[in-house]
PDB file of N, CA and C in Angstrom:
ATOM      1  N   HIS A   1       3.451   3.972 -19.208  1.00  0.00           N
ATOM      2  CA  HIS A   1       3.656   3.195 -18.114  1.00  0.00           C
ATOM      3  C   HIS A   1       3.369   3.933 -16.888  1.00  0.00           C
ATOM      4  N   ARG A   2       2.645   3.222 -16.032  1.00  0.00           N
ATOM      5  CA  ARG A   2       1.983   3.787 -14.847  1.00  0.00           C
ATOM      6  C   ARG A   2       2.770   3.162 -13.644  1.00  0.00           C
ATOM      7  N   GLN A   3       3.130   3.975 -12.660  1.00  0.00           N
ATOM      8  CA  GLN A   3       3.833   3.421 -11.386  1.00  0.00           C
ATOM      9  C   GLN A   3       2.720   3.195 -10.336  1.00  0.00           C
ATOM     10  N   ARG A   4       2.715   1.891  -9.784  1.00  0.00           N
ATOM     11  CA  ARG A   4       1.777   1.551  -8.723  1.00  0.00           C
ATOM     12  C   ARG A   4       2.515   1.836  -7.313  1.00  0.00           C
ATOM     13  N   ILE A   5       1.889   2.658  -6.481  1.00  0.00           N
ATOM     14  CA  ILE A   5       2.429   2.919  -5.169  1.00  0.00           C
ATOM     15  C   ILE A   5       1.295   2.680  -4.055  1.00  0.00           C
ATOM     16  N   SER A   6       1.615   1.939  -3.089  1.00  0.00           N
ATOM     17  CA  SER A   6       0.774   1.585  -1.951  1.00  0.00           C
ATOM     18  C   SER A   6       0.741   2.778  -1.011  1.00  0.00           C
ATOM     19  N   VAL A   7      -0.420   3.354  -0.636  1.00  0.00           N
ATOM     20  CA  VAL A   7      -0.612   4.361   0.367  1.00  0.00           C
ATOM     21  C   VAL A   7      -0.281   3.885   1.734  1.00  0.00           C
ATOM     22  N   GLU A   8      -0.142   2.475   1.860  1.00  0.00           N
ATOM     23  CA  GLU A   8       0.139   1.881   3.182  1.00  0.00           C
ATOM     24  C   GLU A   8       1.659   1.987   3.440  1.00  0.00           C
ATOM     25  N   HIS A   9       2.539   2.285   2.330  1.00  0.00           N
ATOM     26  CA  HIS A   9       3.842   2.375   2.523  1.00  0.00           C
ATOM     27  C   HIS A   9       4.203   3.787   3.230  1.00  0.00           C
ATOM     28  N   PRO A  10       5.242   3.791   4.285  1.00  0.00           N
ATOM     29  CA  PRO A  10       5.366   5.066   5.003  1.00  0.00           C
ATOM     30  C   PRO A  10       5.836   6.180   4.293  1.00  0.00           C
ATOM     31  N   ASN A  11       6.594   6.043   3.080  1.00  0.00           N
ATOM     32  CA  ASN A  11       7.045   7.149   2.298  1.00  0.00           C
ATOM     33  C   ASN A  11       6.358   7.360   0.962  1.00  0.00           C
ATOM     34  N   TRP A  12       5.049   6.952   0.952  1.00  0.00           N
ATOM     35  CA  TRP A  12       4.251   7.077  -0.317  1.00  0.00           C
ATOM     36  C   TRP A  12       4.121   8.487  -0.853  1.00  0.00           C
ATOM     37  N   LEU A  13       3.926   9.491   0.009  1.00  0.00           N
ATOM     38  CA  LEU A  13       3.745  10.854  -0.424  1.00  0.00           C
ATOM     39  C   LEU A  13       4.982  11.346  -1.229  1.00  0.00           C
ATOM     40  N   GLU A  14       6.095  11.280  -0.601  1.00  0.00           N
ATOM     41  CA  GLU A  14       7.321  11.610  -1.261  1.00  0.00           C
ATOM     42  C   GLU A  14       7.524  11.133  -2.606  1.00  0.00           C
ATOM     43  N   THR A  15       7.328   9.675  -2.581  1.00  0.00           N
ATOM     44  CA  THR A  15       7.506   8.893  -3.842  1.00  0.00           C
ATOM     45  C   THR A  15       6.651   9.367  -4.916  1.00  0.00           C
ATOM     46  N   VAL A  16       5.361   9.511  -4.565  1.00  0.00           N
ATOM     47  CA  VAL A  16       4.300   9.969  -5.514  1.00  0.00           C
ATOM     48  C   VAL A  16       4.520  11.393  -6.134  1.00  0.00           C
ATOM     49  N   GLN A  17       4.920  12.393  -5.178  1.00  0.00           N
ATOM     50  CA  GLN A  17       5.298  13.554  -5.564  1.00  0.00           C
ATOM     51  C   GLN A  17       6.452  13.565  -6.571  1.00  0.00           C
ATOM     52  N   ALA A  18       7.436  12.877  -6.317  1.00  0.00           N
ATOM     53  CA  ALA A  18       8.586  12.976  -7.182  1.00  0.00           C
ATOM     54  C   ALA A  18       8.222  12.285  -8.557  1.00  0.00           C
ATOM     55  N   LEU A  19       7.419  11.171  -8.574  1.00  0.00           N
ATOM     56  CA  LEU A  19       7.090  10.560  -9.767  1.00  0.00           C
ATOM     57  C   LEU A  19       6.244  11.596 -10.681  1.00  0.00           C
ATOM     58  N   LEU A  20       5.220  12.141  -9.944  1.00  0.00           N
ATOM     59  CA  LEU A  20       4.465  13.122 -10.694  1.00  0.00           C
ATOM     60  C   LEU A  20       5.080  14.208 -11.227  1.00  0.00           C
ATOM     61  N   ALA A  21       6.001  14.791 -10.483  1.00  0.00           N
ATOM     62  CA  ALA A  21       6.871  15.941 -10.901  1.00  0.00           C
ATOM     63  C   ALA A  21       7.737  15.573 -12.226  1.00  0.00           C
ATOM     64  N   GLN A  22       8.120  14.313 -12.427  1.00  0.00           N
ATOM     65  CA  GLN A  22       8.801  13.841 -13.441  1.00  0.00           C
ATOM     66  C   GLN A  22       7.919  13.409 -14.672  1.00  0.00           C
ATOM     67  N   GLY A  23       6.667  13.679 -14.512  1.00  0.00           N
ATOM     68  CA  GLY A  23       5.675  13.296 -15.668  1.00  0.00           C
ATOM     69  C   GLY A  23       5.211  11.981 -15.619  1.00  0.00           C
ATOM     70  N   GLU A  24       5.570  11.117 -14.576  1.00  0.00           N
ATOM     71  CA  GLU A  24       5.079   9.862 -14.622  1.00  0.00           C
ATOM     72  C   GLU A  24       3.553   9.759 -14.198  1.00  0.00           C
ATOM     73  N   LEU A  25       2.861   8.730 -14.698  1.00  0.00           N
ATOM     74  CA  LEU A  25       1.495   8.465 -14.288  1.00  0.00           C
ATOM     75  C   LEU A  25       1.591   7.525 -13.034  1.00  0.00           C
ATOM     76  N   VAL A  26       0.703   7.816 -12.068  1.00  0.00           N
ATOM     77  CA  VAL A  26       0.738   6.987 -10.804  1.00  0.00           C
ATOM     78  C   VAL A  26      -0.502   6.434 -10.478  1.00  0.00           C
ATOM     79  N   THR A  27      -0.503   5.174 -10.026  1.00  0.00           N
ATOM     80  CA  THR A  27      -1.727   4.446  -9.460  1.00  0.00           C
ATOM     81  C   THR A  27      -1.508   4.337  -8.060  1.00  0.00           C
ATOM     82  N   LEU A  28      -2.325   4.993  -7.158  1.00  0.00           N
ATOM     83  CA  LEU A  28      -2.294   4.855  -5.733  1.00  0.00           C
ATOM     84  C   LEU A  28      -3.135   3.568  -5.422  1.00  0.00           C
ATOM     85  N   ALA A  29      -2.641   2.629  -4.514  1.00  0.00           N
ATOM     86  CA  ALA A  29      -3.245   1.452  -4.247  1.00  0.00           C
ATOM     87  C   ALA A  29      -3.419   1.197  -2.685  1.00  0.00           C
ATOM     88  N   CYS A  30      -4.246   0.496  -2.220  1.00  0.00           N
ATOM     89  CA  CYS A  30      -4.519   0.027  -0.919  1.00  0.00           C
ATOM     90  C   CYS A  30      -5.434  -1.112  -0.847  1.00  0.00           C
ATOM     91  N   SER A  31      -5.307  -1.887   0.260  1.00  0.00           N
ATOM     92  CA  SER A  31      -6.120  -2.947   0.528  1.00  0.00           C
ATOM     93  C   SER A  31      -7.558  -2.527   0.818  1.00  0.00           C
ATOM     94  N   VAL A  32      -8.658  -3.309   0.671  1.00  0.00           N
ATOM     95  CA  VAL A  32      -9.848  -2.907   0.877  1.00  0.00           C
ATOM     96  C   VAL A  32     -10.071  -2.318   2.399  1.00  0.00           C
ATOM     97  N   ASP A  33      -9.608  -2.909   3.341  1.00  0.00           N
ATOM     98  CA  ASP A  33      -9.777  -2.508   4.728  1.00  0.00           C
ATOM     99  C   ASP A  33      -8.985  -1.119   5.053  1.00  0.00           C
ATOM    100  N   GLN A  34      -8.128  -0.675   4.062  1.00  0.00           N
ATOM    101  CA  GLN A  34      -7.405   0.591   4.307  1.00  0.00           C
ATOM    102  C   GLN A  34      -7.939   1.664   3.303  1.00  0.00           C
ATOM    103  N   ARG A  35      -9.157   1.543   2.924  1.00  0.00           N
ATOM    104  CA  ARG A  35      -9.691   2.511   1.856  1.00  0.00           C
ATOM    105  C   ARG A  35      -9.682   3.969   2.378  1.00  0.00           C
ATOM    106  N   LEU A  36      -9.868   4.167   3.712  1.00  0.00           N
ATOM    107  CA  LEU A  36      -9.793   5.578   4.192  1.00  0.00           C
ATOM    108  C   LEU A  36      -8.456   6.189   3.894  1.00  0.00           C
ATOM    109  N   LEU A  37      -7.409   5.345   4.052  1.00  0.00           N
ATOM    110  CA  LEU A  37      -6.016   5.908   3.749  1.00  0.00           C
ATOM    111  C   LEU A  37      -6.069   6.357   2.244  1.00  0.00           C
ATOM    112  N   LEU A  38      -6.651   5.656   1.388  1.00  0.00           N
ATOM    113  CA  LEU A  38      -6.643   6.058  -0.098  1.00  0.00           C
ATOM    114  C   LEU A  38      -7.443   7.465  -0.278  1.00  0.00           C
ATOM    115  N   GLY A  39      -8.487   7.502   0.383  1.00  0.00           N
ATOM    116  CA  GLY A  39      -9.254   8.778   0.415  1.00  0.00           C
ATOM    117  C   GLY A  39      -8.519   9.828   0.847  1.00  0.00           C
ATOM    118  N   ALA A  40      -7.829   9.665   2.077  1.00  0.00           N
ATOM    119  CA  ALA A  40      -6.899  10.815   2.522  1.00  0.00           C
ATOM    120  C   ALA A  40      -5.792  11.210   1.580  1.00  0.00           C
ATOM    121  N   ALA A  41      -5.218  10.145   0.944  1.00  0.00           N
ATOM    122  CA  ALA A  41      -4.112  10.286  -0.016  1.00  0.00           C
ATOM    123  C   ALA A  41      -4.578  11.139  -1.161  1.00  0.00           C
ATOM    124  N   ILE A  42      -5.785  10.800  -1.715  1.00  0.00           N
ATOM    125  CA  ILE A  42      -6.305  11.493  -2.931  1.00  0.00           C
ATOM    126  C   ILE A  42      -6.542  12.962  -2.518  1.00  0.00           C
ATOM    127  N   HIS A  43      -7.229  13.176  -1.399  1.00  0.00           N
ATOM    128  CA  HIS A  43      -7.420  14.512  -0.960  1.00  0.00           C
ATOM    129  C   HIS A  43      -6.230  15.319  -0.764  1.00  0.00           C
ATOM    130  N   SER A  44      -5.129  14.711  -0.199  1.00  0.00           N
ATOM    131  CA  SER A  44      -3.998  15.451  -0.023  1.00  0.00           C
ATOM    132  C   SER A  44      -3.196  15.889  -1.371  1.00  0.00           C
ATOM    133  N   LEU A  45      -3.195  14.972  -2.387  1.00  0.00           N
ATOM    134  CA  LEU A  45      -2.650  15.272  -3.541  1.00  0.00           C
ATOM    135  C   LEU A  45      -3.448  16.336  -4.514  1.00  0.00           C
ATOM    136  N   ILE A  46      -4.844  16.189  -4.385  1.00  0.00           N
ATOM    137  CA  ILE A  46      -5.498  17.055  -5.279  1.00  0.00           C
ATOM    138  C   ILE A  46      -5.721  18.609  -4.676  1.00  0.00           C
ATOM    139  N   THR A  47      -5.364  18.635  -3.467  1.00  0.00           N
ATOM    140  CA  THR A  47      -5.495  19.935  -2.696  1.00  0.00           C
ATOM    141  C   THR A  47      -4.281  20.610  -2.305  1.00  0.00           C
ATOM    142  N   ASN A  48      -3.049  20.028  -2.570  1.00  0.00           N
ATOM    143  CA  ASN A  48      -1.761  20.456  -2.206  1.00  0.00           C
ATOM    144  C   ASN A  48      -0.886  20.441  -3.535  1.00  0.00           C
ATOM    145  N   PRO A  49      -0.344  21.473  -3.925  1.00  0.00           N
ATOM    146  CA  PRO A  49       0.422  21.549  -5.137  1.00  0.00           C
ATOM    147  C   PRO A  49       1.729  20.646  -5.020  1.00  0.00           C
ATOM    148  N   VAL A  50       2.068  20.202  -6.260  1.00  0.00           N
ATOM    149  CA  VAL A  50       3.323  19.425  -6.342  1.00  0.00           C
ATOM    150  C   VAL A  50       4.341  20.270  -7.127  1.00  0.00           C
ATOM    151  N   GLU A  51       5.613  20.330  -6.616  1.00  0.00           N
ATOM    152  CA  GLU A  51       6.473  21.177  -7.218  1.00  0.00           C
ATOM    153  C   GLU A  51       7.116  20.376  -8.495  1.00  0.00           C
ATOM    154  N   SER A  52       7.083  21.094  -9.660  1.00  0.00           N
ATOM    155  CA  SER A  52       7.490  20.449 -10.987  1.00  0.00           C
ATOM    156  C   SER A  52       8.253  21.482 -11.656  1.00  0.00           C
ATOM    157  N   GLY A  53       9.522  21.390 -11.373  1.00  0.00           N
ATOM    158  CA  GLY A  53      10.547  22.466 -11.968  1.00  0.00           C
ATOM    159  C   GLY A  53      10.150  23.794 -11.354  1.00  0.00           C
ATOM    160  N   TYR A  54       9.849  24.750 -12.224  1.00  0.00           N
ATOM    161  CA  TYR A  54       9.424  26.063 -11.722  1.00  0.00           C
ATOM    162  C   TYR A  54       7.937  26.176 -11.482  1.00  0.00           C
ATOM    163  N   LEU A  55       7.198  25.092 -11.748  1.00  0.00           N
ATOM    164  CA  LEU A  55       5.742  25.059 -11.483  1.00  0.00           C
ATOM    165  C   LEU A  55       5.312  24.534 -10.248  1.00  0.00           C
ATOM    166  N   ARG A  56       4.258  24.977  -9.722  1.00  0.00           N
ATOM    167  CA  ARG A  56       3.394  24.352  -8.592  1.00  0.00           C
ATOM    168  C   ARG A  56       2.099  23.881  -9.249  1.00  0.00           C
ATOM    169  N   ALA A  57       1.871  22.671  -9.351  1.00  0.00           N
ATOM    170  CA  ALA A  57       0.646  22.110 -10.017  1.00  0.00           C
ATOM    171  C   ALA A  57      -0.064  21.156  -9.246  1.00  0.00           C
ATOM    172  N   TYR A  58      -1.348  21.094  -9.349  1.00  0.00           N
ATOM    173  CA  TYR A  58      -2.173  19.997  -8.677  1.00  0.00           C
ATOM    174  C   TYR A  58      -2.400  18.780  -9.324  1.00  0.00           C
ATOM    175  N   ALA A  59      -2.295  17.632  -8.778  1.00  0.00           N
ATOM    176  CA  ALA A  59      -2.484  16.423  -9.321  1.00  0.00           C
ATOM    177  C   ALA A  59      -3.947  16.324  -9.790  1.00  0.00           C
ATOM    178  N   ARG A  60      -4.168  15.544 -10.871  1.00  0.00           N
ATOM    179  CA  ARG A  60      -5.615  15.289 -11.317  1.00  0.00           C
ATOM    180  C   ARG A  60      -6.005  13.820 -11.139  1.00  0.00           C
ATOM    181  N   LEU A  61      -7.112  13.629 -10.571  1.00  0.00           N
ATOM    182  CA  LEU A  61      -7.612  12.336 -10.434  1.00  0.00           C
ATOM    183  C   LEU A  61      -8.249  11.722 -11.716  1.00  0.00           C
ATOM    184  N   GLN A  62      -7.785  10.679 -12.230  1.00  0.00           N
ATOM    185  CA  GLN A  62      -8.287  10.188 -13.548  1.00  0.00           C
ATOM    186  C   GLN A  62      -9.398   9.240 -13.306  1.00  0.00           C
ATOM    187  N   GLY A  63      -9.421   8.505 -12.190  1.00  0.00           N
ATOM    188  CA  GLY A  63     -10.309   7.396 -11.956  1.00  0.00           C
ATOM    189  C   GLY A  63     -10.061   6.609 -10.757  1.00  0.00           C
ATOM    190  N   VAL A  64     -10.956   6.009 -10.327  1.00  0.00           N
ATOM    191  CA  VAL A  64     -10.917   5.109  -9.076  1.00  0.00           C
ATOM    192  C   VAL A  64     -11.612   3.809  -9.425  1.00  0.00           C
ATOM    193  N   ARG A  65     -10.926   2.738  -9.054  1.00  0.00           N
ATOM    194  CA  ARG A  65     -11.529   1.341  -9.289  1.00  0.00           C
ATOM    195  C   ARG A  65     -11.383   0.361  -8.045  1.00  0.00           C
ATOM    196  N   GLN A  66     -12.232  -0.540  -8.023  1.00  0.00           N
ATOM    197  CA  GLN A  66     -12.033  -1.509  -6.935  1.00  0.00           C
ATOM    198  C   GLN A  66     -11.960  -2.944  -7.503  1.00  0.00           C
ATOM    199  N   THR A  67     -10.945  -3.599  -7.166  1.00  0.00           N
ATOM    200  CA  THR A  67     -10.788  -5.069  -7.455  1.00  0.00           C
ATOM    201  C   THR A  67     -11.268  -5.829  -6.428  1.00  0.00           C
ATOM    202  N   LYS A  68     -11.078  -7.153  -6.516  1.00  0.00           N
ATOM    203  CA  LYS A  68     -11.552  -8.081  -5.472  1.00  0.00           C
ATOM    204  C   LYS A  68     -11.007  -7.760  -3.990  1.00  0.00           C
ATOM    205  N   ASP A  69      -9.701  -7.237  -4.075  1.00  0.00           N
ATOM    206  CA  ASP A  69      -9.116  -7.178  -2.699  1.00  0.00           C
ATOM    207  C   ASP A  69      -8.338  -5.865  -2.487  1.00  0.00           C
ATOM    208  N   SER A  70      -8.628  -4.912  -3.500  1.00  0.00           N
ATOM    209  CA  SER A  70      -7.934  -3.586  -3.362  1.00  0.00           C
ATOM    210  C   SER A  70      -8.716  -2.523  -4.001  1.00  0.00           C
ATOM    211  N   PHE A  71      -8.332  -1.325  -3.680  1.00  0.00           N
ATOM    212  CA  PHE A  71      -8.860  -0.031  -4.320  1.00  0.00           C
ATOM    213  C   PHE A  71      -7.634   0.660  -4.957  1.00  0.00           C
ATOM    214  N   GLU A  72      -7.849   1.193  -6.177  1.00  0.00           N
ATOM    215  CA  GLU A  72      -6.790   1.922  -6.871  1.00  0.00           C
ATOM    216  C   GLU A  72      -7.381   3.212  -7.369  1.00  0.00           C
ATOM    217  N   ALA A  73      -6.426   4.240  -7.523  1.00  0.00           N
ATOM    218  CA  ALA A  73      -6.692   5.495  -8.026  1.00  0.00           C
ATOM    219  C   ALA A  73      -5.700   5.989  -8.952  1.00  0.00           C
ATOM    220  N   ASP A  74      -6.048   6.357 -10.104  1.00  0.00           N
ATOM    221  CA  ASP A  74      -4.915   6.849 -11.047  1.00  0.00           C
ATOM    222  C   ASP A  74      -4.953   8.328 -11.012  1.00  0.00           C
ATOM    223  N   LEU A  75      -3.637   8.777 -10.955  1.00  0.00           N
ATOM    224  CA  LEU A  75      -3.348  10.370 -10.995  1.00  0.00           C
ATOM    225  C   LEU A  75      -2.441  10.742 -11.963  1.00  0.00           C
ATOM    226  N   GLU A  76      -2.432  12.002 -12.410  1.00  0.00           N
ATOM    227  CA  GLU A  76      -1.417  12.559 -13.106  1.00  0.00           C
ATOM    228  C   GLU A  76      -1.216  14.019 -12.913  1.00  0.00           C
ATOM    229  N   LEU A  77      -0.150  14.539 -13.365  1.00  0.00           N
ATOM    230  CA  LEU A  77       0.057  15.916 -13.252  1.00  0.00           C
ATOM    231  C   LEU A  77       0.341  16.525 -14.592  1.00  0.00           C
ATOM    232  N   MET A  78      -0.861  17.173 -15.177  1.00  0.00           N
ATOM    233  CA  MET A  78      -0.835  17.556 -16.516  1.00  0.00           C
ATOM    234  C   MET A  78       0.330  18.527 -16.784  1.00  0.00           C
ATOM    235  N   GLU A  79       0.639  19.389 -15.962  1.00  0.00           N
ATOM    236  CA  GLU A  79       1.707  20.371 -16.404  1.00  0.00           C
ATOM    237  C   GLU A  79       3.073  19.631 -16.416  1.00  0.00           C
ATOM    238  N   ALA A  80       3.317  18.629 -15.794  1.00  0.00           N
ATOM    239  CA  ALA A  80       4.589  17.903 -15.797  1.00  0.00           C
ATOM    240  C   ALA A  80       4.776  17.112 -17.185  1.00  0.00           C
ATOM    241  N   ALA A  81       3.553  16.664 -17.699  1.00  0.00           N
ATOM    242  CA  ALA A  81       3.550  15.815 -18.813  1.00  0.00           C
ATOM    243  C   ALA A  81       3.823  16.638 -20.198  1.00  0.00           C
ATOM    244  N   GLN A  82       3.554  17.952 -20.150  1.00  0.00           N
ATOM    245  CA  GLN A  82       3.692  18.754 -21.332  1.00  0.00           C
ATOM    246  C   GLN A  82       5.152  19.015 -21.724  1.00  0.00           C
TER     247      GLN A  82
END
C-alpha cells in the first residue's frame, strides 16, 4: 500500500517523513502547473536524511510519472522497510 501525499499541502514534508520512517511507501503528487514544487520536494527528501528509529537514512526515488493532469513520484526508505 502506497500513501499519496500532495506537495501542495502545507505539512507535506512532516507527513512524508513520518510515513517513510514507519516503512510506508509514499507517492508525492502535484498538479502539472506545480511541477517545480515536486522537483524541490524530491531534492529535499533525497538529500536530507529521515530519522527512522536509531537510523538516519535517505529516501530513494523509485520513479516519476506524468498523468493527464498531474505528476507523481514514488519514494521509499529502504532501511525502514527491513
